[in-house]
Amino acid sequence: MEGIWTTERIREAEEKLLAVTPEGVLMRRAAFGVAVRAAGMLSPDVSGSRITLLVGAGNNGGDALWAGAFLRKRGAGVTAVLLKPEKAHPEGLAALRKAGGRVVGIEDGPRWIEAADLVIDGIVGLSARGPLRSGAAELAERITAPVLAIDLPSGVDPDNGSVSGPAIAAARTVTFGALKPVHVLNPERCGEVVLIDIGLPLTDPDLRRVEGADVAVAWPIPGPEDNKYSQGVTGIAAGSATYPGAAVLATGAAVRATSGMVRYAGPAAEAVRAQWPEVVATGSVTDAGRVQAWVVGPGIGTGREGRGVLEHVLAAGAPVCADADATTLMAHQPEVLDAREPGTPLVLTPHAGEFARLTGEEPGVDRVAAVRAAARKFDAVVLLKGHCTVIAAPDGRVLVNVAHGSWLATAGSGDVLSGIIGALLAGGVDPWLAAGAGAYVHALAGELSARGVPTSASGVLAAIPAALRQVLTR
């Protein structure tokens, strides 16, 4: 899993590294990395290109100035717009001037921004909070060229990725030492994120991002001694006469996620049998037989019958993935959770609206803190859906998964996700990792199904085998 560290942890590590590194070495190393990536955005015509640096105070501005000096030596025309000339990094400014770079004040900035082939954002660094100030905001509005941001797009919060006013949108962000929360929580603003290793002494990440290798290791693969029961039996309590599609989608996802056996229990049994003949389908959870994990909630309704189904599943003692109507029932009738067997693993998969109902509060700008708090409150793994999905365990561990596109924002997509997670739970995967691996494969299936155009939940379901093939055979 790829580690992600908060800015406080990053600054502590930087101080330790700076204490044993000759002055200026780290900045020049970082700036050279910025220059190389900037040149890549202009390739093959670096010489003669017009680059404008937006230079703030402190080290972030210094990185931009040194990068500009390196690019000027490659023949690019480089102009630095100093937002606070009196606070510009002196060594970086001297290096740019020595290399033949141009230096102008903020009042002349618009001319050079509008003429640029590339803009390098060195306005603020990791210590900044809040939107761009008025002068910088006015300059940002003039940008039409691609932007390379140093460490983060200025105006975006480094620890939660929120935007509360004017901010830069980058095509590429170059960061140093380690990924920060902003890079995964707001990928739209960061663009492509390039990490340059500068040797920061870091351990125990604050967050982790799911990677394909993690999914490949975690995914249950049948061995020569396995059978349908040893691979895990997934129970699906979903759907109704009104919403049979939820049952079909959740059940199909468990089938295609390679559950050894799937049992469906509910009023949509005929529709499920018609679509998935390999599924053992019954009309009631009381007749379902033994399972290793349950998926409950999609389409069951929030009335008396839905509550009865949820309470039965929670009392069964097997791991549970609760979605949709199940989370609504928990929100409005929290006493249903009394039916849960103590210690039974529980995964909750709300979208933002369901999360607000469950917890009584919107996720807010700090989604990581909100999901951590919810996981502690419910003693459950909580997966908050979104373009960046955040998954927290009760012990505070957090996974994030970033989808490539917003193709999963379609009706029934969540039913597919819950079926995938249920199959992993039945296969014995740790609930926190099951939620993360399920989110990864779900997002990949959405990407493969869409191929650049909107898709449907049925399309995502059909693409699960292709997604697994890509993950497990790479």
Protein backbone atom coordinates (compact mmCIF):
# COMPACT_ATOMS: atom_id res chain seq x y z
CA MET A 1 0.00 0.00 0.00
CA GLU A 2 1.23 3.47 -0.83
CA GLY A 3 1.79 5.60 2.25
CA ILE A 4 0.40 9.11 2.72
CA TRP A 5 1.53 11.47 5.48
CA THR A 6 0.02 14.63 6.95
CA THR A 7 1.86 17.92 6.59
CA GLU A 8 2.78 17.95 10.28
CA ARG A 9 4.56 14.61 9.89
CA ILE A 10 6.22 15.79 6.69
CA ARG A 11 7.58 18.95 8.33
CA GLU A 12 8.98 16.95 11.25
CA ALA A 13 10.77 14.62 8.83
CA GLU A 14 12.07 17.54 6.77
CA GLU A 15 13.57 19.15 9.85
CA LYS A 16 15.44 15.94 10.67
CA LEU A 17 16.76 15.66 7.12
CA LEU A 18 17.75 19.33 6.89
CA ALA A 19 19.75 18.98 10.10
CA VAL A 20 22.11 16.51 8.42
CA THR A 21 22.14 17.95 4.89
CA PRO A 22 24.27 20.87 3.63
CA GLU A 23 22.26 24.08 3.24
CA GLY A 24 20.52 24.47 -0.10
CA VAL A 25 21.14 20.91 -1.31
CA LEU A 26 17.58 19.68 -0.77
CA MET A 27 16.04 22.71 -2.48
CA ARG A 28 18.23 22.37 -5.54
CA ARG A 29 17.54 18.65 -5.71
CA ALA A 30 13.81 19.24 -5.51
CA ALA A 31 13.93 22.11 -8.00
CA PHE A 32 15.90 20.02 -10.50
CA GLY A 33 13.14 17.40 -10.30
CA VAL A 34 10.55 20.11 -10.97
CA ALA A 35 12.55 21.34 -13.96
CA VAL A 36 12.79 17.85 -15.45
CA ARG A 37 9.03 17.30 -15.12
CA ALA A 38 8.32 20.75 -16.50
CA ALA A 39 10.52 20.06 -19.49
CA GLY A 40 8.58 16.85 -20.03
CA MET A 41 5.39 18.90 -20.35
CA LEU A 42 7.04 21.01 -23.05
CA SER A 43 8.99 18.27 -24.83
CA PRO A 44 10.43 18.24 -27.42
CA ASP A 45 10.51 22.04 -27.63
CA VAL A 46 11.91 23.20 -24.30
CA SER A 47 14.22 25.68 -25.98
CA GLY A 48 12.23 28.72 -26.98
CA SER A 49 9.26 27.84 -24.76
CA ARG A 50 7.79 30.55 -22.56
CA ILE A 51 7.55 29.64 -18.88
CA THR A 52 6.04 31.86 -16.21
CA LEU A 53 6.76 31.26 -12.55
CA LEU A 54 4.25 32.38 -9.91
CA VAL A 55 6.55 32.97 -6.97
CA GLY A 56 5.40 33.37 -3.39
CA ALA A 57 7.41 33.79 -0.22
CA GLY A 58 9.56 31.13 1.34
CA ASN A 59 10.82 27.75 0.18
CA ASN A 60 8.00 26.97 -2.25
CA GLY A 61 8.85 30.13 -4.17
CA GLY A 62 12.52 29.20 -3.89
CA ASP A 63 11.83 25.85 -5.53
CA ALA A 64 10.12 27.65 -8.41
CA LEU A 65 13.00 30.11 -8.85
CA TRP A 66 15.67 27.39 -8.88
CA ALA A 67 13.58 25.30 -11.29
CA GLY A 68 13.31 28.38 -13.51
CA ALA A 69 17.09 28.76 -13.46
CA PHE A 70 17.56 25.16 -14.61
CA LEU A 71 14.97 25.60 -17.38
CA ARG A 72 16.55 28.87 -18.52
CA LYS A 73 19.83 27.00 -18.99
CA ARG A 74 17.98 24.68 -21.38
CA GLY A 75 16.97 27.62 -23.55
CA ALA A 76 13.49 28.35 -22.26
CA GLY A 77 12.34 31.89 -21.75
CA VAL A 78 11.59 32.18 -18.05
CA THR A 79 9.74 35.01 -16.31
CA ALA A 80 9.23 35.06 -12.54
CA VAL A 81 6.24 36.99 -11.23
CA LEU A 82 7.06 37.92 -7.62
CA LEU A 83 3.94 38.17 -5.48
CA LYS A 84 5.96 39.44 -2.50
CA PRO A 85 9.31 40.70 -3.83
CA GLU A 86 10.64 41.56 -0.38
CA LYS A 87 10.14 37.94 0.73
CA ALA A 88 11.36 36.15 -2.39
CA HIS A 89 13.96 33.44 -1.75
CA PRO A 90 17.30 35.33 -2.21
CA GLU A 91 19.47 32.45 -3.45
CA GLY A 92 16.81 31.22 -5.87
CA LEU A 93 16.25 34.75 -7.17
CA ALA A 94 19.97 35.24 -7.71
CA ALA A 95 20.24 31.91 -9.54
CA LEU A 96 17.41 32.80 -11.91
CA ARG A 97 18.86 36.23 -12.68
CA LYS A 98 22.32 34.74 -13.25
CA ALA A 99 20.81 32.26 -15.73
CA GLY A 100 19.22 35.14 -17.65
CA GLY A 101 15.67 34.87 -16.35
CA ARG A 102 13.31 37.83 -16.23
CA VAL A 103 11.85 39.08 -12.92
CA VAL A 104 8.67 41.20 -12.77
CA GLY A 105 6.23 42.39 -10.17
CA ILE A 106 2.64 41.35 -9.71
CA GLU A 107 1.35 44.31 -11.73
CA ASP A 108 3.12 43.00 -14.86
CA GLY A 109 2.11 39.42 -14.21
CA PRO A 110 -0.98 39.18 -16.44
CA ARG A 111 1.03 39.91 -19.59
CA TRP A 112 3.49 37.08 -18.98
CA ILE A 113 0.86 34.64 -17.73
CA GLU A 114 -1.25 35.08 -20.84
CA ALA A 115 1.79 34.53 -23.09
CA ALA A 116 3.05 31.43 -21.26
CA ASP A 117 3.30 27.92 -22.67
CA LEU A 118 3.60 26.61 -19.11
CA VAL A 119 2.93 28.12 -15.69
CA ILE A 120 4.77 26.87 -12.61
CA ASP A 121 2.84 27.41 -9.38
CA GLY A 122 5.18 28.25 -6.50
CA ILE A 123 2.81 30.57 -4.66
CA VAL A 124 2.36 28.71 -1.36
CA GLY A 125 3.54 25.47 0.19
CA LEU A 126 2.34 22.93 2.71
CA SER A 127 2.11 25.40 5.59
CA ALA A 128 -0.53 27.55 3.88
CA ARG A 129 -4.26 27.33 4.55
CA GLY A 130 -7.24 28.94 2.86
CA PRO A 131 -7.86 30.27 -0.64
CA LEU A 132 -5.57 32.44 -2.74
CA ARG A 133 -5.32 36.06 -1.64
CA SER A 134 -6.66 38.75 -3.94
CA GLY A 135 -3.51 39.47 -5.97
CA ALA A 136 -2.69 35.81 -6.55
CA ALA A 137 -6.34 35.02 -7.28
CA GLU A 138 -6.45 37.65 -10.01
CA LEU A 139 -3.32 36.21 -11.60
CA ALA A 140 -4.74 32.68 -11.43
CA GLU A 141 -7.80 33.80 -13.39
CA ARG A 142 -5.52 34.77 -16.30
CA ILE A 143 -3.99 31.30 -16.66
CA THR A 144 -4.78 29.44 -19.87
CA ALA A 145 -1.61 27.34 -20.19
CA PRO A 146 -1.05 24.02 -18.38
CA VAL A 147 0.06 24.42 -14.77
CA LEU A 148 2.74 22.47 -12.93
CA ALA A 149 2.22 22.88 -9.19
CA ILE A 150 5.06 22.54 -6.69
CA ASP A 151 3.98 20.32 -3.77
CA LEU A 152 0.28 21.21 -4.16
CA PRO A 153 -1.96 23.54 -6.16
CA SER A 154 -2.02 26.81 -4.24
CA GLY A 155 -5.32 27.49 -2.50
CA VAL A 156 -6.11 23.80 -1.87
CA ASP A 157 -5.91 22.59 1.73
CA PRO A 158 -2.93 20.20 2.03
CA ASP A 159 -4.46 17.93 4.67
CA ASN A 160 -8.05 17.54 3.53
CA GLY A 161 -8.03 18.67 -0.10
CA SER A 162 -10.82 21.18 0.37
CA VAL A 163 -11.22 24.36 -1.70
CA SER A 164 -12.92 27.31 -0.02
CA GLY A 165 -12.24 29.99 -2.63
CA PRO A 166 -9.90 30.83 -5.50
CA ALA A 167 -7.35 28.08 -6.12
CA ILE A 168 -5.03 26.75 -8.79
CA ALA A 169 -5.97 23.72 -10.91
CA ALA A 170 -2.84 21.86 -12.02
CA ALA A 171 -2.22 19.49 -14.89
CA ARG A 172 0.69 18.03 -12.93
CA THR A 173 1.84 18.31 -9.33
CA VAL A 174 5.40 17.53 -8.31
CA THR A 175 5.84 16.69 -4.65
CA PHE A 176 8.82 15.65 -2.56
CA GLY A 177 9.53 12.87 -0.11
CA ALA A 178 6.02 11.48 0.27
CA LEU A 179 2.45 11.86 -0.83
CA LYS A 180 0.27 14.21 1.19
CA PRO A 181 -3.50 13.87 1.75
CA VAL A 182 -4.32 16.54 -0.84
CA HIS A 183 -2.85 14.37 -3.58
CA VAL A 184 -5.45 11.64 -3.11
CA LEU A 185 -8.35 13.61 -1.65
CA ASN A 186 -8.50 16.16 -4.48
CA PRO A 187 -7.01 14.54 -7.59
CA GLU A 188 -9.03 16.84 -9.86
CA ARG A 189 -7.02 19.87 -8.69
CA CYS A 190 -3.67 18.08 -8.51
CA GLY A 191 -3.73 16.41 -11.90
CA GLU A 192 -0.97 13.85 -12.40
CA VAL A 193 1.05 13.59 -9.19
CA VAL A 194 4.79 12.94 -9.50
CA LEU A 195 6.68 11.95 -6.35
CA ILE A 196 10.39 12.77 -6.07
CA ASP A 197 12.26 10.88 -3.39
CA ILE A 198 14.48 13.14 -1.29
CA GLY A 199 15.15 10.64 1.49
CA LEU A 200 12.65 11.77 4.13
CA PRO A 201 12.81 9.59 7.28
CA LEU A 202 9.15 8.50 7.46
CA THR A 203 7.41 5.50 9.00
CA ASP A 204 3.81 4.49 9.81
CA PRO A 205 1.74 6.41 7.24
CA ASP A 206 -1.30 8.37 8.35
CA LEU A 207 -3.29 7.09 5.37
CA ARG A 208 -2.76 4.38 2.79
CA ARG A 209 -3.80 4.19 -0.85
CA VAL A 210 -4.95 0.86 -2.25
CA GLU A 211 -2.76 -0.47 -5.06
CA GLY A 212 -3.31 -3.30 -7.50
CA ALA A 213 -0.61 -5.42 -5.86
CA ASP A 214 -2.47 -5.23 -2.53
CA VAL A 215 -5.66 -6.42 -4.19
CA ALA A 216 -3.87 -9.27 -5.96
CA VAL A 217 -2.40 -10.53 -2.68
CA ALA A 218 -5.68 -10.23 -0.77
CA TRP A 219 -8.04 -11.72 -3.35
CA PRO A 220 -9.07 -15.32 -2.53
CA ILE A 221 -7.77 -17.67 -5.22
CA PRO A 222 -8.95 -21.30 -5.18
CA GLY A 223 -6.29 -23.96 -4.70
CA PRO A 224 -6.27 -27.62 -5.70
CA GLU A 225 -7.93 -28.67 -2.45
CA ASP A 226 -10.67 -26.02 -2.49
CA ASN A 227 -14.35 -26.52 -3.21
CA LYS A 228 -17.36 -24.25 -3.39
CA TYR A 229 -17.77 -24.22 0.38
CA SER A 230 -14.14 -23.67 1.32
CA GLN A 231 -13.99 -20.59 -0.94
CA GLY A 232 -16.73 -18.91 1.08
CA VAL A 233 -20.50 -18.80 0.79
CA THR A 234 -21.97 -15.32 0.39
CA GLY A 235 -25.52 -14.58 1.48
CA ILE A 236 -27.42 -11.78 -0.24
CA ALA A 237 -30.43 -10.23 1.49
CA ALA A 238 -31.49 -7.60 -1.01
CA GLY A 239 -34.27 -6.49 -3.30
CA SER A 240 -38.02 -6.60 -3.14
CA ALA A 241 -40.97 -7.02 -5.46
CA THR A 242 -40.63 -3.29 -6.16
CA TYR A 243 -36.84 -3.30 -6.54
CA PRO A 244 -35.75 -6.68 -7.90
CA GLY A 245 -32.84 -5.07 -9.75
CA ALA A 246 -30.96 -4.42 -6.52
CA ALA A 247 -31.03 -8.13 -5.77
CA VAL A 248 -29.88 -9.06 -9.27
CA LEU A 249 -26.97 -6.60 -9.18
CA ALA A 250 -25.71 -7.41 -5.68
CA THR A 251 -26.02 -11.15 -6.26
CA GLY A 252 -24.33 -10.96 -9.64
CA ALA A 253 -21.43 -8.99 -8.18
CA ALA A 254 -20.84 -11.70 -5.56
CA VAL A 255 -20.92 -14.34 -8.31
CA ARG A 256 -18.50 -12.46 -10.54
CA ALA A 257 -16.22 -11.59 -7.66
CA THR A 258 -15.54 -15.36 -7.48
CA SER A 259 -17.44 -16.26 -4.34
CA GLY A 260 -17.40 -20.05 -4.02
CA MET A 261 -21.16 -20.12 -3.66
CA VAL A 262 -23.88 -17.48 -3.44
CA ARG A 263 -27.17 -17.85 -1.60
CA TYR A 264 -29.90 -15.31 -2.27
CA ALA A 265 -32.73 -14.80 0.22
CA GLY A 266 -35.64 -12.50 -0.51
CA PRO A 267 -38.74 -11.71 -2.53
CA ALA A 268 -36.78 -11.27 -5.79
CA ALA A 269 -35.76 -14.95 -5.90
CA GLU A 270 -37.35 -15.60 -9.30
CA ALA A 271 -35.61 -12.64 -10.91
CA VAL A 272 -32.30 -13.74 -9.40
CA ARG A 273 -32.69 -17.34 -10.59
CA ALA A 274 -33.53 -16.15 -14.10
CA GLN A 275 -30.34 -14.09 -14.29
CA TRP A 276 -27.99 -16.24 -12.19
CA PRO A 277 -28.83 -19.96 -12.40
CA GLU A 278 -25.78 -20.86 -10.30
CA VAL A 279 -27.26 -19.09 -7.26
CA VAL A 280 -29.24 -20.96 -4.60
CA ALA A 281 -32.27 -18.70 -4.12
CA THR A 282 -34.93 -18.80 -1.42
CA GLY A 283 -37.72 -16.46 -0.44
CA SER A 284 -36.64 -15.69 3.11
CA VAL A 285 -33.46 -15.19 5.13
CA THR A 286 -34.74 -17.77 7.59
CA ASP A 287 -34.47 -20.42 4.83
CA ALA A 288 -31.16 -19.33 3.38
CA GLY A 289 -28.86 -21.86 5.01
CA ARG A 290 -25.39 -21.26 6.38
CA VAL A 291 -23.19 -18.52 4.90
CA GLN A 292 -19.76 -17.07 5.72
CA ALA A 293 -20.84 -13.45 5.16
CA TRP A 294 -23.98 -11.45 4.46
CA VAL A 295 -24.75 -8.52 2.20
CA VAL A 296 -27.87 -6.75 3.39
CA GLY A 297 -29.76 -3.63 2.46
CA PRO A 298 -30.02 -2.86 -1.26
CA GLY A 299 -33.71 -2.53 -2.06
CA ILE A 300 -35.08 -4.24 1.08
CA GLY A 301 -37.13 -1.21 2.10
CA THR A 302 -37.19 0.61 5.41
CA GLY A 303 -40.44 -0.77 6.79
CA ARG A 304 -41.15 -3.64 9.18
CA GLU A 305 -40.10 -6.37 6.77
CA GLY A 306 -36.80 -4.67 5.94
CA ARG A 307 -36.06 -4.22 9.63
CA GLY A 308 -36.76 -7.90 10.29
CA VAL A 309 -34.35 -8.93 7.54
CA LEU A 310 -31.62 -6.65 8.89
CA GLU A 311 -32.00 -7.84 12.47
CA HIS A 312 -31.89 -11.49 11.37
CA VAL A 313 -28.68 -10.94 9.42
CA LEU A 314 -27.01 -8.96 12.21
CA ALA A 315 -27.85 -11.71 14.70
CA ALA A 316 -26.46 -14.50 12.51
CA GLY A 317 -22.88 -14.03 13.70
CA ALA A 318 -21.26 -13.85 10.25
CA PRO A 319 -19.51 -10.75 8.85
CA VAL A 320 -21.98 -8.27 7.36
CA CYS A 321 -21.74 -5.66 4.60
CA ALA A 322 -24.66 -3.26 5.16
CA ASP A 323 -25.65 -0.88 2.39
CA ALA A 324 -28.50 1.37 1.20
CA ASP A 325 -31.74 0.66 3.09
CA ALA A 326 -29.82 -1.12 5.85
CA THR A 327 -27.91 2.07 6.69
CA THR A 328 -31.13 4.08 6.54
CA LEU A 329 -32.74 1.69 9.02
CA MET A 330 -29.75 2.02 11.33
CA ALA A 331 -29.99 5.79 11.11
CA HIS A 332 -33.72 6.04 11.88
CA GLN A 333 -33.98 3.04 14.20
CA PRO A 334 -30.54 2.67 15.81
CA GLU A 335 -31.88 0.02 18.18
CA VAL A 336 -31.66 -2.50 15.30
CA LEU A 337 -27.94 -2.63 16.01
CA ASP A 338 -28.74 -4.30 19.33
CA ALA A 339 -29.34 -7.45 17.31
CA ARG A 340 -25.69 -7.54 16.24
CA GLU A 341 -23.68 -10.33 17.76
CA PRO A 342 -20.86 -8.81 19.83
CA GLY A 343 -17.64 -8.73 17.85
CA THR A 344 -19.29 -9.51 14.53
CA PRO A 345 -17.41 -7.72 11.73
CA LEU A 346 -19.55 -5.03 10.13
CA VAL A 347 -18.85 -2.97 7.00
CA LEU A 348 -21.02 0.10 6.34
CA THR A 349 -20.96 1.59 2.83
CA PRO A 350 -22.84 4.91 2.87
CA HIS A 351 -22.81 7.66 0.29
CA ALA A 352 -22.66 11.22 1.64
CA GLY A 353 -26.40 11.50 2.29
CA GLU A 354 -26.59 8.15 4.07
CA PHE A 355 -23.50 9.09 6.07
CA ALA A 356 -25.20 12.28 7.26
CA ARG A 357 -28.25 10.29 8.35
CA LEU A 358 -26.12 7.70 10.15
CA THR A 359 -23.94 10.14 12.05
CA GLY A 360 -26.17 13.21 12.27
CA GLU A 361 -23.56 15.31 10.44
CA GLU A 362 -22.41 15.89 6.88
CA PRO A 363 -18.94 14.49 6.13
CA GLY A 364 -17.70 18.09 5.79
CA VAL A 365 -14.37 19.17 4.37
CA ASP A 366 -12.33 16.72 6.46
CA ARG A 367 -13.76 13.45 5.17
CA VAL A 368 -10.97 11.39 6.71
CA ALA A 369 -11.66 12.65 10.24
CA ALA A 370 -15.40 12.19 9.75
CA VAL A 371 -15.06 8.58 8.59
CA ARG A 372 -12.62 7.77 11.39
CA ALA A 373 -15.10 9.09 13.93
CA ALA A 374 -17.95 7.08 12.40
CA ALA A 375 -15.89 3.89 12.43
CA ARG A 376 -15.23 4.35 16.15
CA LYS A 377 -18.87 5.18 16.85
CA PHE A 378 -20.27 2.08 15.15
CA ASP A 379 -17.30 -0.21 15.86
CA ALA A 380 -17.35 -0.97 12.16
CA VAL A 381 -15.41 -0.46 8.98
CA VAL A 382 -16.97 2.57 7.30
CA LEU A 383 -16.61 3.14 3.56
CA LEU A 384 -17.67 6.60 2.45
CA LYS A 385 -18.34 6.50 -1.26
CA GLY A 386 -17.15 9.24 -3.56
CA HIS A 387 -14.71 9.98 -6.35
CA CYS A 388 -12.14 9.45 -3.63
CA THR A 389 -13.49 6.65 -1.46
CA VAL A 390 -12.38 6.80 2.19
CA ILE A 391 -12.37 3.64 4.31
CA ALA A 392 -11.70 3.66 8.05
CA ALA A 393 -11.40 0.85 10.58
CA PRO A 394 -12.40 1.28 14.24
CA ASP A 395 -8.72 1.32 15.23
CA GLY A 396 -8.09 4.42 13.08
CA ARG A 397 -6.49 2.84 10.01
CA VAL A 398 -7.56 4.59 6.81
CA LEU A 399 -7.48 3.48 3.19
CA VAL A 400 -8.29 5.68 0.22
CA ASN A 401 -9.13 4.64 -3.31
CA VAL A 402 -9.20 7.16 -6.15
CA ALA A 403 -11.34 6.32 -9.16
CA HIS A 404 -10.22 7.25 -12.65
CA GLY A 405 -13.28 9.24 -13.65
CA SER A 406 -16.79 9.52 -12.23
CA TRP A 407 -18.35 6.64 -14.14
CA LEU A 408 -19.63 4.98 -10.96
CA ALA A 409 -22.07 7.83 -10.29
CA THR A 410 -24.99 5.81 -11.65
CA ALA A 411 -28.01 4.01 -10.19
CA GLY A 412 -27.25 0.53 -8.88
CA SER A 413 -23.49 1.00 -8.75
CA GLY A 414 -23.48 0.75 -4.95
CA ASP A 415 -25.35 -2.58 -5.11
CA VAL A 416 -22.49 -3.95 -7.22
CA LEU A 417 -19.90 -2.71 -4.71
CA SER A 418 -21.68 -4.33 -1.77
CA GLY A 419 -21.80 -7.69 -3.57
CA ILE A 420 -18.05 -7.55 -4.27
CA ILE A 421 -17.25 -6.73 -0.65
CA GLY A 422 -19.57 -9.49 0.56
CA ALA A 423 -17.72 -12.07 -1.54
CA LEU A 424 -14.39 -10.96 -0.05
CA LEU A 425 -15.75 -11.12 3.49
CA ALA A 426 -17.02 -14.63 2.82
CA GLY A 427 -13.54 -15.54 1.57
CA GLY A 428 -12.06 -14.55 4.92
CA VAL A 429 -10.47 -11.23 3.93
CA ASP A 430 -10.00 -8.68 6.73
CA PRO A 431 -13.03 -6.34 6.58
CA TRP A 432 -10.93 -3.17 6.21
CA LEU A 433 -8.93 -4.67 3.37
CA ALA A 434 -12.04 -6.26 1.86
CA ALA A 435 -13.66 -2.84 1.63
CA GLY A 436 -10.53 -1.32 0.09
CA ALA A 437 -9.94 -4.14 -2.40
CA GLY A 438 -13.63 -4.15 -3.30
CA ALA A 439 -13.58 -0.41 -3.94
CA TYR A 440 -10.48 -0.78 -6.13
CA VAL A 441 -11.94 -3.52 -8.34
CA HIS A 442 -15.31 -1.74 -8.47
CA ALA A 443 -13.65 1.47 -9.69
CA LEU A 444 -11.52 -0.41 -12.21
CA ALA A 445 -14.58 -2.24 -13.54
CA GLY A 446 -16.31 1.11 -13.93
CA GLU A 447 -13.36 2.47 -15.89
CA LEU A 448 -13.18 -0.60 -18.15
CA SER A 449 -16.91 -0.59 -18.72
CA ALA A 450 -17.08 3.12 -19.53
CA ARG A 451 -14.14 3.38 -21.96
CA GLY A 452 -14.59 7.14 -21.96
CA VAL A 453 -18.39 7.34 -22.08
CA PRO A 454 -21.08 6.97 -19.40
CA THR A 455 -21.88 3.41 -18.36
CA SER A 456 -24.49 1.62 -16.24
CA ALA A 457 -24.40 -0.55 -13.14
CA SER A 458 -25.04 -3.57 -15.36
CA GLY A 459 -22.02 -2.55 -17.42
CA VAL A 460 -19.87 -2.28 -14.30
CA LEU A 461 -21.09 -5.71 -13.19
CA ALA A 462 -20.19 -7.23 -16.56
CA ALA A 463 -16.68 -5.74 -16.38
CA ILE A 464 -15.74 -7.30 -13.02
CA PRO A 465 -14.01 -10.35 -14.61
CA ALA A 466 -11.95 -8.06 -16.85
CA ALA A 467 -10.98 -5.95 -13.85
CA LEU A 468 -9.93 -9.03 -11.89
CA ARG A 469 -8.00 -10.36 -14.87
CA GLN A 470 -6.06 -7.10 -15.06
CA VAL A 471 -5.32 -7.11 -11.32
CA LEU A 472 -4.50 -10.78 -10.84
CA THR A 473 -2.39 -11.34 -13.94
CA ARG A 474 -0.28 -8.20 -14.04
